[in-house]
Amino acid sequence: MIRAEQTSVIDRPIEDVFRYVGDQTNTPNWQAGLVAARRTSDGPLGVGTTHTFVRRFMGRRMEADNIYVAYEPNKLISFKTTSGPVRLQASYDFESTGEGTRLTSRIEMDASGFMSLAEPLIAAGLKREMKAAFRALKDLLENRSDPDLVAAGSVGPAS
């Protein structure tokens, strides 16, 4: 079992951070390994919302589906994979602070079969990617002048 955690304080109101991170179609804007994210369910975001992801991880292309298993506005989003080569459970915890929003991501990944042989390499790569993604997210949300554009996902990562 691989476990990883990353925390960052983002100088932006919790509502903006939650709205942007909670819409996982925005994720390719700040996670370099993510090639595409498509919402596959209708209705408002919440428990039961599903997505399909295409990711490049350690040189491999992987496609997976996930489902939101917990959704508490401005507090928590938790999801798990329902298909793909790796079983994953992940969460985003949101907390208001004097500096903005503390965002914490936790991931538990169960690599099986051939992937289990590479677990130490996968864990190291995952931690590197999480750290880089949080730097990109912080830069994206703090350095854009229009929070509505950021929240709507109509901006890309800062150059």
N, C-alpha and C. Protein backbone atom coordinates (compact mmCIF):
# COMPACT_ATOMS: atom_id res chain seq x y z
N MET A 1 0.85 -1.18 0.00
CA MET A 1 0.00 0.00 0.00
C MET A 1 0.89 1.24 0.00
N ILE A 2 0.61 2.15 -0.90
CA ILE A 2 1.33 3.41 -1.00
C ILE A 2 0.47 4.50 -0.39
N ARG A 3 1.07 5.30 0.47
CA ARG A 3 0.37 6.44 1.07
C ARG A 3 1.19 7.69 0.84
N ALA A 4 0.53 8.77 0.47
CA ALA A 4 1.21 10.05 0.26
C ALA A 4 0.29 11.17 0.71
N GLU A 5 0.91 12.25 1.18
CA GLU A 5 0.16 13.41 1.64
C GLU A 5 0.90 14.68 1.25
N GLN A 6 0.15 15.69 0.87
CA GLN A 6 0.73 16.99 0.52
C GLN A 6 -0.19 18.08 1.03
N THR A 7 0.39 19.13 1.61
CA THR A 7 -0.38 20.26 2.12
C THR A 7 0.22 21.55 1.59
N SER A 8 -0.66 22.50 1.31
CA SER A 8 -0.23 23.83 0.89
C SER A 8 -1.24 24.84 1.39
N VAL A 9 -0.76 26.03 1.71
CA VAL A 9 -1.65 27.14 2.05
C VAL A 9 -1.71 28.04 0.83
N ILE A 10 -2.92 28.27 0.35
CA ILE A 10 -3.16 29.05 -0.86
C ILE A 10 -3.82 30.36 -0.46
N ASP A 11 -3.25 31.45 -0.88
CA ASP A 11 -3.77 32.79 -0.54
C ASP A 11 -4.98 33.10 -1.43
N ARG A 12 -6.06 32.44 -1.11
CA ARG A 12 -7.32 32.59 -1.84
C ARG A 12 -8.43 32.10 -0.92
N PRO A 13 -9.61 32.71 -0.95
CA PRO A 13 -10.71 32.25 -0.09
C PRO A 13 -11.06 30.78 -0.33
N ILE A 14 -11.50 30.13 0.72
CA ILE A 14 -11.81 28.70 0.66
C ILE A 14 -12.83 28.38 -0.42
N GLU A 15 -13.80 29.27 -0.64
CA GLU A 15 -14.82 29.02 -1.67
C GLU A 15 -14.20 28.92 -3.06
N ASP A 16 -13.21 29.79 -3.35
CA ASP A 16 -12.55 29.76 -4.66
C ASP A 16 -11.74 28.48 -4.83
N VAL A 17 -10.99 28.11 -3.79
CA VAL A 17 -10.14 26.91 -3.87
C VAL A 17 -11.02 25.66 -4.01
N PHE A 18 -12.07 25.59 -3.20
CA PHE A 18 -12.95 24.42 -3.26
C PHE A 18 -13.63 24.31 -4.63
N ARG A 19 -14.13 25.42 -5.13
CA ARG A 19 -14.83 25.41 -6.42
C ARG A 19 -13.90 24.94 -7.54
N TYR A 20 -12.65 25.41 -7.52
CA TYR A 20 -11.72 25.05 -8.58
C TYR A 20 -11.24 23.60 -8.47
N VAL A 21 -10.81 23.22 -7.27
CA VAL A 21 -10.30 21.86 -7.07
C VAL A 21 -11.43 20.84 -7.18
N GLY A 22 -12.62 21.21 -6.71
CA GLY A 22 -13.75 20.30 -6.73
C GLY A 22 -14.23 19.94 -8.12
N ASP A 23 -13.96 20.79 -9.09
CA ASP A 23 -14.29 20.49 -10.49
C ASP A 23 -13.08 19.82 -11.11
N GLN A 24 -13.05 18.51 -11.09
CA GLN A 24 -11.85 17.80 -11.51
C GLN A 24 -11.53 17.94 -12.99
N THR A 25 -12.42 18.54 -13.78
CA THR A 25 -12.05 18.82 -15.17
C THR A 25 -10.97 19.90 -15.22
N ASN A 26 -10.75 20.63 -14.12
CA ASN A 26 -9.68 21.62 -14.04
C ASN A 26 -8.32 20.99 -13.76
N THR A 27 -8.30 19.75 -13.31
CA THR A 27 -7.07 19.13 -12.83
C THR A 27 -5.94 19.13 -13.86
N PRO A 28 -6.18 18.92 -15.16
CA PRO A 28 -5.06 18.97 -16.11
C PRO A 28 -4.35 20.34 -16.15
N ASN A 29 -5.01 21.39 -15.65
CA ASN A 29 -4.38 22.71 -15.61
C ASN A 29 -3.26 22.79 -14.57
N TRP A 30 -3.27 21.88 -13.59
CA TRP A 30 -2.26 21.99 -12.53
C TRP A 30 -1.56 20.67 -12.19
N GLN A 31 -1.98 19.58 -12.79
CA GLN A 31 -1.27 18.31 -12.61
C GLN A 31 -0.63 17.92 -13.94
N ALA A 32 0.69 18.05 -14.00
CA ALA A 32 1.42 17.86 -15.26
C ALA A 32 1.21 16.48 -15.87
N GLY A 33 1.08 15.43 -15.06
CA GLY A 33 0.94 14.09 -15.59
C GLY A 33 -0.44 13.77 -16.12
N LEU A 34 -1.40 14.64 -15.86
CA LEU A 34 -2.77 14.37 -16.28
C LEU A 34 -2.99 14.92 -17.69
N VAL A 35 -3.31 14.04 -18.60
CA VAL A 35 -3.50 14.41 -20.00
C VAL A 35 -4.92 14.93 -20.22
N ALA A 36 -5.92 14.30 -19.59
CA ALA A 36 -7.32 14.68 -19.78
C ALA A 36 -8.15 14.25 -18.58
N ALA A 37 -9.20 15.01 -18.32
CA ALA A 37 -10.18 14.66 -17.28
C ALA A 37 -11.55 15.05 -17.82
N ARG A 38 -12.46 14.09 -17.83
CA ARG A 38 -13.79 14.33 -18.37
C ARG A 38 -14.82 13.87 -17.36
N ARG A 39 -15.78 14.74 -17.09
CA ARG A 39 -16.87 14.38 -16.20
C ARG A 39 -17.82 13.46 -16.97
N THR A 40 -18.24 12.37 -16.32
CA THR A 40 -19.07 11.38 -17.01
C THR A 40 -20.45 11.23 -16.38
N SER A 41 -20.78 12.11 -15.45
CA SER A 41 -22.11 12.06 -14.83
C SER A 41 -22.77 13.43 -14.97
N ASP A 42 -24.10 13.43 -14.91
CA ASP A 42 -24.87 14.67 -15.00
C ASP A 42 -25.21 15.17 -13.60
N GLY A 43 -25.75 16.39 -13.56
CA GLY A 43 -26.20 16.95 -12.29
C GLY A 43 -25.11 17.72 -11.59
N PRO A 44 -25.44 18.27 -10.43
CA PRO A 44 -24.45 19.06 -9.69
C PRO A 44 -23.36 18.16 -9.11
N LEU A 45 -22.20 18.76 -8.85
CA LEU A 45 -21.13 18.02 -8.21
C LEU A 45 -21.57 17.55 -6.84
N GLY A 46 -21.20 16.33 -6.48
CA GLY A 46 -21.54 15.78 -5.17
C GLY A 46 -21.24 14.29 -5.13
N VAL A 47 -21.65 13.64 -4.05
CA VAL A 47 -21.46 12.20 -3.93
C VAL A 47 -22.09 11.54 -5.15
N GLY A 48 -21.33 10.66 -5.79
CA GLY A 48 -21.81 9.98 -6.99
C GLY A 48 -21.29 10.57 -8.29
N THR A 49 -20.70 11.78 -8.25
CA THR A 49 -20.13 12.38 -9.45
C THR A 49 -19.00 11.49 -9.96
N THR A 50 -18.95 11.27 -11.28
CA THR A 50 -17.93 10.40 -11.86
C THR A 50 -17.11 11.15 -12.91
N HIS A 51 -15.87 10.70 -13.05
CA HIS A 51 -14.93 11.25 -14.03
C HIS A 51 -14.14 10.12 -14.67
N THR A 52 -13.62 10.38 -15.86
CA THR A 52 -12.65 9.52 -16.52
C THR A 52 -11.38 10.33 -16.69
N PHE A 53 -10.24 9.73 -16.33
CA PHE A 53 -8.95 10.39 -16.42
C PHE A 53 -8.03 9.64 -17.35
N VAL A 54 -7.18 10.38 -18.03
CA VAL A 54 -6.06 9.81 -18.77
C VAL A 54 -4.81 10.46 -18.18
N ARG A 55 -3.90 9.62 -17.71
CA ARG A 55 -2.72 10.11 -17.00
C ARG A 55 -1.47 9.45 -17.57
N ARG A 56 -0.39 10.18 -17.55
CA ARG A 56 0.94 9.64 -17.82
C ARG A 56 1.63 9.58 -16.47
N PHE A 57 2.04 8.38 -16.07
CA PHE A 57 2.72 8.21 -14.79
C PHE A 57 3.90 7.29 -15.00
N MET A 58 5.08 7.78 -14.71
CA MET A 58 6.32 7.03 -14.86
C MET A 58 6.43 6.45 -16.28
N GLY A 59 6.08 7.28 -17.26
CA GLY A 59 6.22 6.90 -18.65
C GLY A 59 5.11 6.04 -19.21
N ARG A 60 4.12 5.70 -18.40
CA ARG A 60 3.02 4.84 -18.86
C ARG A 60 1.74 5.65 -18.98
N ARG A 61 0.94 5.33 -19.98
CA ARG A 61 -0.38 5.95 -20.15
C ARG A 61 -1.39 5.09 -19.43
N MET A 62 -2.17 5.71 -18.56
CA MET A 62 -3.18 4.97 -17.80
C MET A 62 -4.50 5.72 -17.87
N GLU A 63 -5.56 4.96 -18.08
CA GLU A 63 -6.91 5.52 -18.05
C GLU A 63 -7.65 4.89 -16.87
N ALA A 64 -8.43 5.72 -16.18
CA ALA A 64 -9.17 5.22 -15.03
C ALA A 64 -10.44 6.05 -14.83
N ASP A 65 -11.40 5.46 -14.16
CA ASP A 65 -12.63 6.14 -13.78
C ASP A 65 -12.63 6.31 -12.27
N ASN A 66 -13.26 7.40 -11.81
CA ASN A 66 -13.40 7.56 -10.37
C ASN A 66 -14.80 8.04 -10.02
N ILE A 67 -15.12 7.96 -8.73
CA ILE A 67 -16.41 8.39 -8.22
C ILE A 67 -16.20 9.13 -6.90
N TYR A 68 -16.92 10.23 -6.73
CA TYR A 68 -16.89 10.96 -5.45
C TYR A 68 -17.65 10.14 -4.42
N VAL A 69 -17.00 9.82 -3.31
CA VAL A 69 -17.64 9.07 -2.23
C VAL A 69 -17.95 9.96 -1.03
N ALA A 70 -17.39 11.16 -1.00
CA ALA A 70 -17.72 12.17 0.02
C ALA A 70 -17.59 13.53 -0.62
N TYR A 71 -18.50 14.43 -0.27
CA TYR A 71 -18.50 15.78 -0.84
C TYR A 71 -19.17 16.71 0.16
N GLU A 72 -18.37 17.48 0.88
CA GLU A 72 -18.87 18.47 1.84
C GLU A 72 -18.34 19.83 1.41
N PRO A 73 -19.20 20.70 0.86
CA PRO A 73 -18.74 21.98 0.33
C PRO A 73 -17.83 22.73 1.31
N ASN A 74 -16.70 23.19 0.77
CA ASN A 74 -15.68 23.96 1.48
C ASN A 74 -15.02 23.18 2.61
N LYS A 75 -15.16 21.84 2.61
CA LYS A 75 -14.54 21.02 3.66
C LYS A 75 -13.81 19.81 3.11
N LEU A 76 -14.48 18.99 2.30
CA LEU A 76 -13.92 17.69 1.93
C LEU A 76 -14.46 17.19 0.61
N ILE A 77 -13.55 16.63 -0.17
CA ILE A 77 -13.91 15.84 -1.35
C ILE A 77 -13.09 14.56 -1.25
N SER A 78 -13.75 13.43 -1.39
CA SER A 78 -13.06 12.15 -1.38
C SER A 78 -13.56 11.33 -2.56
N PHE A 79 -12.64 10.66 -3.22
CA PHE A 79 -13.03 9.84 -4.37
C PHE A 79 -12.18 8.59 -4.42
N LYS A 80 -12.68 7.61 -5.18
CA LYS A 80 -11.93 6.38 -5.38
C LYS A 80 -12.04 5.97 -6.83
N THR A 81 -11.05 5.21 -7.29
CA THR A 81 -11.11 4.70 -8.65
C THR A 81 -12.09 3.53 -8.70
N THR A 82 -12.74 3.41 -9.85
CA THR A 82 -13.66 2.30 -10.07
C THR A 82 -13.18 1.42 -11.22
N SER A 83 -12.12 1.87 -11.91
CA SER A 83 -11.50 1.07 -12.97
C SER A 83 -10.07 1.55 -13.13
N GLY A 84 -9.30 0.81 -13.88
CA GLY A 84 -7.92 1.20 -14.14
C GLY A 84 -6.93 0.24 -13.50
N PRO A 85 -5.64 0.45 -13.78
CA PRO A 85 -4.63 -0.49 -13.32
C PRO A 85 -4.29 -0.39 -11.83
N VAL A 86 -4.70 0.68 -11.17
CA VAL A 86 -4.35 0.91 -9.78
C VAL A 86 -5.61 1.27 -8.99
N ARG A 87 -5.77 0.66 -7.84
CA ARG A 87 -6.87 1.03 -6.93
C ARG A 87 -6.39 2.19 -6.09
N LEU A 88 -7.16 3.25 -6.09
CA LEU A 88 -6.76 4.49 -5.43
C LEU A 88 -7.92 5.08 -4.65
N GLN A 89 -7.65 5.59 -3.48
CA GLN A 89 -8.59 6.37 -2.69
C GLN A 89 -7.87 7.68 -2.40
N ALA A 90 -8.52 8.80 -2.65
CA ALA A 90 -7.89 10.10 -2.45
C ALA A 90 -8.87 11.08 -1.84
N SER A 91 -8.32 12.09 -1.18
CA SER A 91 -9.18 13.13 -0.61
C SER A 91 -8.48 14.48 -0.67
N TYR A 92 -9.31 15.51 -0.68
CA TYR A 92 -8.87 16.89 -0.52
C TYR A 92 -9.60 17.44 0.69
N ASP A 93 -8.84 17.92 1.67
CA ASP A 93 -9.40 18.57 2.84
C ASP A 93 -9.11 20.05 2.74
N PHE A 94 -10.13 20.88 3.02
CA PHE A 94 -10.04 22.32 2.91
C PHE A 94 -10.25 22.94 4.29
N GLU A 95 -9.41 23.92 4.64
CA GLU A 95 -9.54 24.59 5.93
C GLU A 95 -9.19 26.06 5.76
N SER A 96 -10.05 26.95 6.26
CA SER A 96 -9.75 28.38 6.23
C SER A 96 -8.67 28.70 7.25
N THR A 97 -7.73 29.53 6.84
CA THR A 97 -6.67 29.99 7.74
C THR A 97 -6.54 31.50 7.59
N GLY A 98 -5.74 32.12 8.44
CA GLY A 98 -5.48 33.55 8.33
C GLY A 98 -4.81 33.92 7.03
N GLU A 99 -4.10 32.95 6.41
CA GLU A 99 -3.39 33.21 5.15
C GLU A 99 -4.20 32.82 3.92
N GLY A 100 -5.39 32.26 4.10
CA GLY A 100 -6.19 31.82 2.95
C GLY A 100 -6.81 30.47 3.21
N THR A 101 -6.41 29.47 2.42
CA THR A 101 -6.97 28.12 2.52
C THR A 101 -5.85 27.09 2.64
N ARG A 102 -5.94 26.26 3.66
CA ARG A 102 -5.02 25.13 3.77
C ARG A 102 -5.68 23.96 3.04
N LEU A 103 -5.00 23.47 2.02
CA LEU A 103 -5.47 22.34 1.23
C LEU A 103 -4.55 21.16 1.48
N THR A 104 -5.13 20.04 1.87
CA THR A 104 -4.36 18.82 2.10
C THR A 104 -4.92 17.72 1.22
N SER A 105 -4.04 17.06 0.51
CA SER A 105 -4.41 15.91 -0.31
C SER A 105 -3.79 14.67 0.29
N ARG A 106 -4.59 13.62 0.40
CA ARG A 106 -4.11 12.32 0.88
C ARG A 106 -4.47 11.27 -0.17
N ILE A 107 -3.51 10.42 -0.45
CA ILE A 107 -3.73 9.37 -1.44
C ILE A 107 -3.28 8.04 -0.85
N GLU A 108 -4.11 7.03 -1.03
CA GLU A 108 -3.75 5.65 -0.74
C GLU A 108 -3.92 4.87 -2.03
N MET A 109 -2.87 4.18 -2.41
CA MET A 109 -2.85 3.49 -3.69
C MET A 109 -2.45 2.04 -3.46
N ASP A 110 -3.19 1.13 -4.06
CA ASP A 110 -2.88 -0.29 -3.98
C ASP A 110 -2.43 -0.76 -5.35
N ALA A 111 -1.15 -0.92 -5.49
CA ALA A 111 -0.60 -1.41 -6.76
C ALA A 111 -0.55 -2.93 -6.70
N SER A 112 -1.11 -3.57 -7.70
CA SER A 112 -1.12 -5.04 -7.71
C SER A 112 -0.42 -5.55 -8.96
N GLY A 113 -0.19 -6.83 -8.98
CA GLY A 113 0.44 -7.46 -10.14
C GLY A 113 1.82 -6.90 -10.39
N PHE A 114 2.14 -6.65 -11.65
CA PHE A 114 3.44 -6.13 -12.05
C PHE A 114 3.75 -4.81 -11.34
N MET A 115 2.71 -3.97 -11.18
CA MET A 115 2.91 -2.65 -10.56
C MET A 115 3.41 -2.78 -9.12
N SER A 116 3.04 -3.85 -8.41
CA SER A 116 3.46 -4.00 -7.01
C SER A 116 4.98 -4.15 -6.90
N LEU A 117 5.63 -4.67 -7.92
CA LEU A 117 7.08 -4.81 -7.91
C LEU A 117 7.77 -3.45 -7.91
N ALA A 118 7.12 -2.47 -8.46
CA ALA A 118 7.70 -1.13 -8.57
C ALA A 118 7.16 -0.18 -7.50
N GLU A 119 6.56 -0.72 -6.44
CA GLU A 119 5.92 0.13 -5.42
C GLU A 119 6.83 1.23 -4.88
N PRO A 120 8.09 0.97 -4.52
CA PRO A 120 8.94 2.05 -4.02
C PRO A 120 9.16 3.17 -5.05
N LEU A 121 9.32 2.80 -6.32
CA LEU A 121 9.48 3.80 -7.38
C LEU A 121 8.19 4.58 -7.59
N ILE A 122 7.07 3.88 -7.55
CA ILE A 122 5.77 4.53 -7.72
C ILE A 122 5.54 5.52 -6.58
N ALA A 123 5.84 5.13 -5.35
CA ALA A 123 5.65 6.01 -4.20
C ALA A 123 6.49 7.27 -4.33
N ALA A 124 7.74 7.13 -4.71
CA ALA A 124 8.62 8.29 -4.87
C ALA A 124 8.11 9.21 -5.99
N GLY A 125 7.70 8.61 -7.10
CA GLY A 125 7.17 9.41 -8.22
C GLY A 125 5.89 10.12 -7.85
N LEU A 126 5.02 9.45 -7.11
CA LEU A 126 3.76 10.05 -6.68
C LEU A 126 4.02 11.26 -5.78
N LYS A 127 4.92 11.12 -4.84
CA LYS A 127 5.23 12.24 -3.93
C LYS A 127 5.82 13.42 -4.69
N ARG A 128 6.69 13.16 -5.65
CA ARG A 128 7.26 14.25 -6.48
C ARG A 128 6.15 14.95 -7.26
N GLU A 129 5.26 14.15 -7.88
CA GLU A 129 4.18 14.73 -8.68
C GLU A 129 3.22 15.54 -7.83
N MET A 130 2.91 15.05 -6.62
CA MET A 130 2.01 15.80 -5.74
C MET A 130 2.61 17.14 -5.34
N LYS A 131 3.89 17.14 -5.02
CA LYS A 131 4.56 18.38 -4.62
C LYS A 131 4.55 19.39 -5.78
N ALA A 132 4.88 18.93 -6.98
CA ALA A 132 4.89 19.81 -8.15
C ALA A 132 3.48 20.31 -8.47
N ALA A 133 2.49 19.43 -8.34
CA ALA A 133 1.11 19.83 -8.63
C ALA A 133 0.63 20.90 -7.67
N PHE A 134 0.95 20.75 -6.40
CA PHE A 134 0.51 21.75 -5.42
C PHE A 134 1.21 23.09 -5.64
N ARG A 135 2.48 23.06 -6.07
CA ARG A 135 3.15 24.33 -6.42
C ARG A 135 2.44 25.00 -7.59
N ALA A 136 2.09 24.20 -8.61
CA ALA A 136 1.40 24.75 -9.78
C ALA A 136 0.01 25.27 -9.42
N LEU A 137 -0.72 24.54 -8.58
CA LEU A 137 -2.05 24.97 -8.17
C LEU A 137 -1.98 26.28 -7.39
N LYS A 138 -1.06 26.36 -6.46
CA LYS A 138 -0.88 27.58 -5.65
C LYS A 138 -0.58 28.77 -6.57
N ASP A 139 0.35 28.58 -7.50
CA ASP A 139 0.70 29.65 -8.43
C ASP A 139 -0.50 30.04 -9.28
N LEU A 140 -1.21 29.06 -9.79
CA LEU A 140 -2.37 29.31 -10.64
C LEU A 140 -3.43 30.12 -9.90
N LEU A 141 -3.79 29.70 -8.69
CA LEU A 141 -4.87 30.36 -7.97
C LEU A 141 -4.46 31.70 -7.35
N GLU A 142 -3.21 31.84 -6.97
CA GLU A 142 -2.78 33.09 -6.34
C GLU A 142 -2.43 34.18 -7.34
N ASN A 143 -2.04 33.80 -8.55
CA ASN A 143 -1.52 34.78 -9.49
C ASN A 143 -2.46 35.12 -10.64
N ARG A 144 -3.70 34.71 -10.54
CA ARG A 144 -4.69 35.09 -11.53
C ARG A 144 -5.56 36.19 -10.94
N SER A 145 -5.81 37.23 -11.72
CA SER A 145 -6.52 38.39 -11.18
C SER A 145 -8.03 38.20 -11.11
N ASP A 146 -8.59 37.28 -11.88
CA ASP A 146 -10.04 37.12 -11.91
C ASP A 146 -10.42 35.75 -11.33
N PRO A 147 -10.88 35.72 -10.06
CA PRO A 147 -11.20 34.43 -9.46
C PRO A 147 -12.34 33.70 -10.17
N ASP A 148 -13.23 34.44 -10.85
CA ASP A 148 -14.29 33.76 -11.58
C ASP A 148 -13.75 32.98 -12.76
N LEU A 149 -12.73 33.52 -13.45
CA LEU A 149 -12.11 32.77 -14.54
C LEU A 149 -11.40 31.53 -14.00
N VAL A 150 -10.69 31.70 -12.90
CA VAL A 150 -10.00 30.55 -12.30
C VAL A 150 -11.01 29.50 -11.90
N ALA A 151 -12.09 29.92 -11.22
CA ALA A 151 -13.09 28.97 -10.74
C ALA A 151 -13.79 28.27 -11.89
N ALA A 152 -13.94 28.95 -13.01
CA ALA A 152 -14.63 28.36 -14.14
C ALA A 152 -13.73 27.45 -14.95
N GLY A 153 -12.43 27.44 -14.62
CA GLY A 153 -11.52 26.55 -15.33
C GLY A 153 -11.13 27.05 -16.70
N SER A 154 -11.29 28.35 -16.96
CA SER A 154 -11.00 28.85 -18.30
C SER A 154 -9.60 29.42 -18.42
N VAL A 155 -8.75 29.17 -17.46
CA VAL A 155 -7.36 29.57 -17.56
C VAL A 155 -6.49 28.34 -17.46
N GLY A 156 -5.33 28.41 -18.06
CA GLY A 156 -4.39 27.31 -17.97
C GLY A 156 -3.35 27.60 -16.92
N PRO A 157 -2.39 26.74 -16.77
CA PRO A 157 -1.36 26.95 -15.78
C PRO A 157 -0.51 28.17 -16.13
N ALA A 158 0.04 28.78 -15.10
CA ALA A 158 0.90 29.95 -15.32
C ALA A 158 2.15 29.51 -16.06
N SER A 159 2.66 30.39 -16.89
CA SER A 159 3.88 30.02 -17.62
C SER A 159 5.10 30.56 -16.93
